[in-house]
């Protein structure tokens, strides 16, 4: 059985802020799997690790090469 974690635990496991976990869910990168007794959204821990791995494998910014710039 898959381990379910709330947003805070998911963020801790992925080493990101809880807001990013919610963003991933909103954008469809992470699927919620119900709610706990306190109404907190639950995610499969394996899915959280997968989403974090995809995030780390894609680079948002490319390094800038300043060596060819004429000053």
PDB file of N, CA and C in Angstrom:
ATOM      1  N   UNK A   1       0.840  -1.184   0.000  1.00  0.00           N
ATOM      2  CA  UNK A   1       0.000   0.000   0.000  1.00  0.00           C
ATOM      3  C   UNK A   1       0.885   1.248   0.000  1.00  0.00           C
ATOM      4  N   UNK A   2       0.495   2.235  -0.788  1.00  0.00           N
ATOM      5  CA  UNK A   2       1.268   3.470  -0.917  1.00  0.00           C
ATOM      6  C   UNK A   2       1.137   4.320   0.347  1.00  0.00           C
ATOM      7  N   UNK A   3       2.236   4.944   0.715  1.00  0.00           N
ATOM      8  CA  UNK A   3       2.225   5.813   1.886  1.00  0.00           C
ATOM      9  C   UNK A   3       1.695   7.180   1.475  1.00  0.00           C
ATOM     10  N   UNK A   4       0.696   7.679   2.203  1.00  0.00           N
ATOM     11  CA  UNK A   4       0.120   8.984   1.935  1.00  0.00           C
ATOM     12  C   UNK A   4       0.655   9.997   2.933  1.00  0.00           C
ATOM     13  N   UNK A   5       0.973  11.193   2.425  1.00  0.00           N
ATOM     14  CA  UNK A   5       1.497  12.259   3.277  1.00  0.00           C
ATOM     15  C   UNK A   5       0.750  13.552   2.974  1.00  0.00           C
ATOM     16  N   UNK A   6       0.689  14.443   3.975  1.00  0.00           N
ATOM     17  CA  UNK A   6       0.047  15.730   3.760  1.00  0.00           C
ATOM     18  C   UNK A   6       1.007  16.688   3.057  1.00  0.00           C
ATOM     19  N   UNK A   7       0.537  17.884   2.777  1.00  0.00           N
ATOM     20  CA  UNK A   7       1.330  18.848   2.014  1.00  0.00           C
ATOM     21  C   UNK A   7       2.643  19.187   2.705  1.00  0.00           C
ATOM     22  N   UNK A   8       2.616  19.390   4.002  1.00  0.00           N
ATOM     23  CA  UNK A   8       3.827  19.750   4.734  1.00  0.00           C
ATOM     24  C   UNK A   8       4.860  18.619   4.688  1.00  0.00           C
ATOM     25  N   UNK A   9       4.416  17.393   4.901  1.00  0.00           N
ATOM     26  CA  UNK A   9       5.333  16.247   4.849  1.00  0.00           C
ATOM     27  C   UNK A   9       5.852  16.032   3.431  1.00  0.00           C
ATOM     28  N   UNK A  10       4.998  16.249   2.433  1.00  0.00           N
ATOM     29  CA  UNK A  10       5.425  16.117   1.033  1.00  0.00           C
ATOM     30  C   UNK A  10       6.500  17.150   0.720  1.00  0.00           C
ATOM     31  N   UNK A  11       6.304  18.377   1.175  1.00  0.00           N
ATOM     32  CA  UNK A  11       7.288  19.436   0.939  1.00  0.00           C
ATOM     33  C   UNK A  11       8.612  19.102   1.617  1.00  0.00           C
ATOM     34  N   UNK A  12       8.534  18.599   2.820  1.00  0.00           N
ATOM     35  CA  UNK A  12       9.749  18.220   3.548  1.00  0.00           C
ATOM     36  C   UNK A  12      10.493  17.112   2.802  1.00  0.00           C
ATOM     37  N   UNK A  13       9.760  16.113   2.321  1.00  0.00           N
ATOM     38  CA  UNK A  13      10.381  14.988   1.608  1.00  0.00           C
ATOM     39  C   UNK A  13      11.026  15.450   0.303  1.00  0.00           C
ATOM     40  N   UNK A  14      10.376  16.400  -0.384  1.00  0.00           N
ATOM     41  CA  UNK A  14      10.882  16.874  -1.676  1.00  0.00           C
ATOM     42  C   UNK A  14      11.863  18.032  -1.525  1.00  0.00           C
ATOM     43  N   UNK A  15      12.021  18.515  -0.299  1.00  0.00           N
ATOM     44  CA  UNK A  15      12.898  19.655  -0.006  1.00  0.00           C
ATOM     45  C   UNK A  15      12.492  20.900  -0.794  1.00  0.00           C
ATOM     46  N   UNK A  16      11.182  21.155  -0.768  1.00  0.00           N
ATOM     47  CA  UNK A  16      10.622  22.351  -1.400  1.00  0.00           C
ATOM     48  C   UNK A  16       9.643  22.976  -0.418  1.00  0.00           C
ATOM     49  N   UNK A  17       9.130  24.140  -0.763  1.00  0.00           N
ATOM     50  CA  UNK A  17       8.139  24.802   0.081  1.00  0.00           C
ATOM     51  C   UNK A  17       6.763  24.182  -0.169  1.00  0.00           C
ATOM     52  N   UNK A  18       5.904  24.180   0.859  1.00  0.00           N
ATOM     53  CA  UNK A  18       4.560  23.625   0.686  1.00  0.00           C
ATOM     54  C   UNK A  18       3.792  24.266  -0.474  1.00  0.00           C
ATOM     55  N   UNK A  19       4.017  25.532  -0.728  1.00  0.00           N
ATOM     56  CA  UNK A  19       3.330  26.203  -1.841  1.00  0.00           C
ATOM     57  C   UNK A  19       3.661  25.539  -3.173  1.00  0.00           C
ATOM     58  N   UNK A  20       4.876  25.038  -3.328  1.00  0.00           N
ATOM     59  CA  UNK A  20       5.249  24.378  -4.578  1.00  0.00           C
ATOM     60  C   UNK A  20       4.520  23.041  -4.725  1.00  0.00           C
ATOM     61  N   UNK A  21       4.309  22.340  -3.636  1.00  0.00           N
ATOM     62  CA  UNK A  21       3.533  21.091  -3.678  1.00  0.00           C
ATOM     63  C   UNK A  21       2.123  21.404  -4.172  1.00  0.00           C
ATOM     64  N   UNK A  22       1.522  22.462  -3.634  1.00  0.00           N
ATOM     65  CA  UNK A  22       0.177  22.850  -4.073  1.00  0.00           C
ATOM     66  C   UNK A  22       0.177  23.276  -5.542  1.00  0.00           C
ATOM     67  N   UNK A  23       1.236  23.960  -5.974  1.00  0.00           N
ATOM     68  CA  UNK A  23       1.355  24.363  -7.378  1.00  0.00           C
ATOM     69  C   UNK A  23       1.447  23.137  -8.278  1.00  0.00           C
ATOM     70  N   UNK A  24       2.267  22.171  -7.895  1.00  0.00           N
ATOM     71  CA  UNK A  24       2.381  20.937  -8.676  1.00  0.00           C
ATOM     72  C   UNK A  24       1.015  20.275  -8.814  1.00  0.00           C
ATOM     73  N   UNK A  25       0.242  20.260  -7.729  1.00  0.00           N
ATOM     74  CA  UNK A  25      -1.083  19.641  -7.776  1.00  0.00           C
ATOM     75  C   UNK A  25      -2.008  20.425  -8.706  1.00  0.00           C
ATOM     76  N   UNK A  26      -1.975  21.743  -8.621  1.00  0.00           N
ATOM     77  CA  UNK A  26      -2.814  22.588  -9.467  1.00  0.00           C
ATOM     78  C   UNK A  26      -2.477  22.404 -10.941  1.00  0.00           C
ATOM     79  N   UNK A  27      -1.200  22.255 -11.237  1.00  0.00           N
ATOM     80  CA  UNK A  27      -0.745  22.117 -12.632  1.00  0.00           C
ATOM     81  C   UNK A  27      -0.812  20.684 -13.146  1.00  0.00           C
ATOM     82  N   UNK A  28      -1.224  19.759 -12.292  1.00  0.00           N
ATOM     83  CA  UNK A  28      -1.386  18.380 -12.719  1.00  0.00           C
ATOM     84  C   UNK A  28      -0.130  17.533 -12.635  1.00  0.00           C
ATOM     85  N   UNK A  29       0.926  18.046 -12.010  1.00  0.00           N
ATOM     86  CA  UNK A  29       2.168  17.280 -11.867  1.00  0.00           C
ATOM     87  C   UNK A  29       2.113  16.310 -10.686  1.00  0.00           C
ATOM     88  N   UNK A  30       1.158  16.546  -9.803  1.00  0.00           N
ATOM     89  CA  UNK A  30       1.025  15.741  -8.591  1.00  0.00           C
ATOM     90  C   UNK A  30      -0.467  15.575  -8.322  1.00  0.00           C
ATOM     91  N   UNK A  31      -0.905  14.329  -8.164  1.00  0.00           N
ATOM     92  CA  UNK A  31      -2.327  14.054  -7.980  1.00  0.00           C
ATOM     93  C   UNK A  31      -2.675  13.864  -6.506  1.00  0.00           C
ATOM     94  N   UNK A  32      -3.626  14.652  -5.992  1.00  0.00           N
ATOM     95  CA  UNK A  32      -4.086  14.444  -4.609  1.00  0.00           C
ATOM     96  C   UNK A  32      -4.802  13.095  -4.498  1.00  0.00           C
ATOM     97  N   UNK A  33      -4.640  12.450  -3.348  1.00  0.00           N
ATOM     98  CA  UNK A  33      -5.279  11.150  -3.114  1.00  0.00           C
ATOM     99  C   UNK A  33      -6.117  11.195  -1.850  1.00  0.00           C
ATOM    100  N   UNK A  34      -7.024  12.162  -1.792  1.00  0.00           N
ATOM    101  CA  UNK A  34      -7.944  12.242  -0.666  1.00  0.00           C
ATOM    102  C   UNK A  34      -7.517  13.254   0.381  1.00  0.00           C
ATOM    103  N   UNK A  35      -8.192  13.168   1.511  1.00  0.00           N
ATOM    104  CA  UNK A  35      -7.933  14.074   2.632  1.00  0.00           C
ATOM    105  C   UNK A  35      -7.885  13.270   3.922  1.00  0.00           C
ATOM    106  N   UNK A  36      -7.141  13.794   4.895  1.00  0.00           N
ATOM    107  CA  UNK A  36      -7.089  13.126   6.190  1.00  0.00           C
ATOM    108  C   UNK A  36      -8.244  13.612   7.064  1.00  0.00           C
ATOM    109  N   UNK A  37      -8.297  13.157   8.313  1.00  0.00           N
ATOM    110  CA  UNK A  37      -9.384  13.496   9.222  1.00  0.00           C
ATOM    111  C   UNK A  37      -9.470  14.999   9.511  1.00  0.00           C
ATOM    112  N   UNK A  38      -8.355  15.706   9.333  1.00  0.00           N
ATOM    113  CA  UNK A  38      -8.331  17.148   9.572  1.00  0.00           C
ATOM    114  C   UNK A  38      -8.601  17.950   8.296  1.00  0.00           C
ATOM    115  N   UNK A  39      -8.846  17.262   7.192  1.00  0.00           N
ATOM    116  CA  UNK A  39      -9.157  17.935   5.939  1.00  0.00           C
ATOM    117  C   UNK A  39      -7.944  18.312   5.106  1.00  0.00           C
ATOM    118  N   UNK A  40      -6.768  17.859   5.508  1.00  0.00           N
ATOM    119  CA  UNK A  40      -5.545  18.169   4.750  1.00  0.00           C
ATOM    120  C   UNK A  40      -5.436  17.258   3.539  1.00  0.00           C
ATOM    121  N   UNK A  41      -5.016  17.832   2.424  1.00  0.00           N
ATOM    122  CA  UNK A  41      -4.838  17.066   1.195  1.00  0.00           C
ATOM    123  C   UNK A  41      -3.703  16.065   1.360  1.00  0.00           C
ATOM    124  N   UNK A  42      -3.902  14.867   0.835  1.00  0.00           N
ATOM    125  CA  UNK A  42      -2.899  13.808   0.921  1.00  0.00           C
ATOM    126  C   UNK A  42      -2.359  13.468  -0.461  1.00  0.00           C
ATOM    127  N   UNK A  43      -1.062  13.151  -0.495  1.00  0.00           N
ATOM    128  CA  UNK A  43      -0.379  12.787  -1.735  1.00  0.00           C
ATOM    129  C   UNK A  43       0.378  11.483  -1.499  1.00  0.00           C
ATOM    130  N   UNK A  44       0.522  10.689  -2.561  1.00  0.00           N
ATOM    131  CA  UNK A  44       1.343   9.484  -2.466  1.00  0.00           C
ATOM    132  C   UNK A  44       2.803   9.908  -2.428  1.00  0.00           C
ATOM    133  N   UNK A  45       3.537   9.398  -1.469  1.00  0.00           N
ATOM    134  CA  UNK A  45       4.937   9.771  -1.305  1.00  0.00           C
ATOM    135  C   UNK A  45       5.760   9.441  -2.543  1.00  0.00           C
ATOM    136  N   UNK A  46       5.497   8.315  -3.179  1.00  0.00           N
ATOM    137  CA  UNK A  46       6.210   7.958  -4.416  1.00  0.00           C
ATOM    138  C   UNK A  46       5.982   9.003  -5.505  1.00  0.00           C
ATOM    139  N   UNK A  47       4.746   9.518  -5.596  1.00  0.00           N
ATOM    140  CA  UNK A  47       4.441  10.559  -6.584  1.00  0.00           C
ATOM    141  C   UNK A  47       5.199  11.845  -6.277  1.00  0.00           C
ATOM    142  N   UNK A  48       5.323  12.156  -5.000  1.00  0.00           N
ATOM    143  CA  UNK A  48       6.059  13.359  -4.587  1.00  0.00           C
ATOM    144  C   UNK A  48       7.520  13.234  -5.015  1.00  0.00           C
ATOM    145  N   UNK A  49       8.123  12.084  -4.760  1.00  0.00           N
ATOM    146  CA  UNK A  49       9.521  11.872  -5.154  1.00  0.00           C
ATOM    147  C   UNK A  49       9.683  11.967  -6.679  1.00  0.00           C
ATOM    148  N   UNK A  50       8.720  11.422  -7.430  1.00  0.00           N
ATOM    149  CA  UNK A  50       8.780  11.497  -8.890  1.00  0.00           C
ATOM    150  C   UNK A  50       8.704  12.947  -9.376  1.00  0.00           C
ATOM    151  N   UNK A  51       7.789  13.711  -8.804  1.00  0.00           N
ATOM    152  CA  UNK A  51       7.642  15.115  -9.198  1.00  0.00           C
ATOM    153  C   UNK A  51       8.908  15.901  -8.864  1.00  0.00           C
ATOM    154  N   UNK A  52       9.511  15.616  -7.719  1.00  0.00           N
ATOM    155  CA  UNK A  52      10.744  16.301  -7.326  1.00  0.00           C
ATOM    156  C   UNK A  52      11.887  15.923  -8.265  1.00  0.00           C
ATOM    157  N   UNK A  53      11.945  14.675  -8.674  1.00  0.00           N
ATOM    158  CA  UNK A  53      12.999  14.235  -9.595  1.00  0.00           C
ATOM    159  C   UNK A  53      12.847  14.913 -10.955  1.00  0.00           C
ATOM    160  N   UNK A  54      11.616  15.046 -11.423  1.00  0.00           N
ATOM    161  CA  UNK A  54      11.381  15.747 -12.696  1.00  0.00           C
ATOM    162  C   UNK A  54      11.809  17.202 -12.578  1.00  0.00           C
ATOM    163  N   UNK A  55      11.541  17.805 -11.447  1.00  0.00           N
ATOM    164  CA  UNK A  55      11.903  19.208 -11.237  1.00  0.00           C
ATOM    165  C   UNK A  55      13.415  19.384 -11.267  1.00  0.00           C
ATOM    166  N   UNK A  56      14.132  18.477 -10.615  1.00  0.00           N
ATOM    167  CA  UNK A  56      15.585  18.614 -10.547  1.00  0.00           C
ATOM    168  C   UNK A  56      16.264  18.260 -11.872  1.00  0.00           C
ATOM    169  N   UNK A  57      15.586  17.486 -12.718  1.00  0.00           N
ATOM    170  CA  UNK A  57      16.204  17.099 -13.990  1.00  0.00           C
ATOM    171  C   UNK A  57      15.983  18.144 -15.083  1.00  0.00           C
ATOM    172  N   UNK A  58      15.095  19.085 -14.850  1.00  0.00           N
ATOM    173  CA  UNK A  58      14.868  20.149 -15.829  1.00  0.00           C
ATOM    174  C   UNK A  58      15.453  21.438 -15.298  1.00  0.00           C
ATOM    175  N   UNK A  59      16.199  22.095 -16.141  1.00  0.00           N
ATOM    176  CA  UNK A  59      16.831  23.346 -15.733  1.00  0.00           C
ATOM    177  C   UNK A  59      16.001  24.504 -16.255  1.00  0.00           C
ATOM    178  N   UNK A  60      15.673  25.435 -15.380  1.00  0.00           N
ATOM    179  CA  UNK A  60      14.889  26.597 -15.784  1.00  0.00           C
ATOM    180  C   UNK A  60      15.752  27.642 -16.480  1.00  0.00           C
ATOM    181  N   UNK A  61      16.937  27.849 -15.986  1.00  0.00           N
ATOM    182  CA  UNK A  61      17.788  28.908 -16.532  1.00  0.00           C
ATOM    183  C   UNK A  61      19.037  28.308 -17.144  1.00  0.00           C
ATOM    184  N   UNK A  62      19.422  28.847 -18.264  1.00  0.00           N
ATOM    185  CA  UNK A  62      20.650  28.431 -18.909  1.00  0.00           C
ATOM    186  C   UNK A  62      21.751  29.397 -18.517  1.00  0.00           C
ATOM    187  N   UNK A  63      22.964  28.915 -18.282  1.00  0.00           N
ATOM    188  CA  UNK A  63      24.053  29.815 -17.929  1.00  0.00           C
ATOM    189  C   UNK A  63      24.345  30.786 -19.062  1.00  0.00           C
ATOM    190  N   UNK A  64      24.700  31.995 -18.686  1.00  0.00           N
ATOM    191  CA  UNK A  64      25.013  33.025 -19.661  1.00  0.00           C
ATOM    192  C   UNK A  64      26.498  33.034 -19.909  1.00  0.00           C
ATOM    193  N   UNK A  65      26.892  33.019 -21.187  1.00  0.00           N
ATOM    194  CA  UNK A  65      28.313  33.059 -21.543  1.00  0.00           C
ATOM    195  C   UNK A  65      28.687  34.502 -21.820  1.00  0.00           C
ATOM    196  N   UNK A  66      29.406  35.120 -20.885  1.00  0.00           N
ATOM    197  CA  UNK A  66      29.810  36.519 -21.010  1.00  0.00           C
ATOM    198  C   UNK A  66      31.132  36.691 -21.767  1.00  0.00           C
ATOM    199  N   UNK A  67      31.791  35.619 -22.088  1.00  0.00           N
ATOM    200  CA  UNK A  67      33.132  35.715 -22.683  1.00  0.00           C
ATOM    201  C   UNK A  67      33.113  36.339 -24.069  1.00  0.00           C
ATOM    202  N   UNK A  68      32.014  36.251 -24.786  1.00  0.00           N
ATOM    203  CA  UNK A  68      31.984  36.798 -26.144  1.00  0.00           C
ATOM    204  C   UNK A  68      31.379  38.194 -26.216  1.00  0.00           C
ATOM    205  N   UNK A  69      31.048  38.775 -25.074  1.00  0.00           N
ATOM    206  CA  UNK A  69      30.448  40.097 -25.053  1.00  0.00           C
ATOM    207  C   UNK A  69      31.505  41.170 -25.249  1.00  0.00           C
ATOM    208  N   UNK A  70      31.264  42.079 -26.166  1.00  0.00           N
ATOM    209  CA  UNK A  70      32.181  43.210 -26.371  1.00  0.00           C
ATOM    210  C   UNK A  70      31.836  44.313 -25.394  1.00  0.00           C
ATOM    211  N   UNK A  71      32.829  44.752 -24.662  1.00  0.00           N
ATOM    212  CA  UNK A  71      32.594  45.801 -23.662  1.00  0.00           C
ATOM    213  C   UNK A  71      33.283  47.066 -24.065  1.00  0.00           C
TER     214      UNK A  71
END
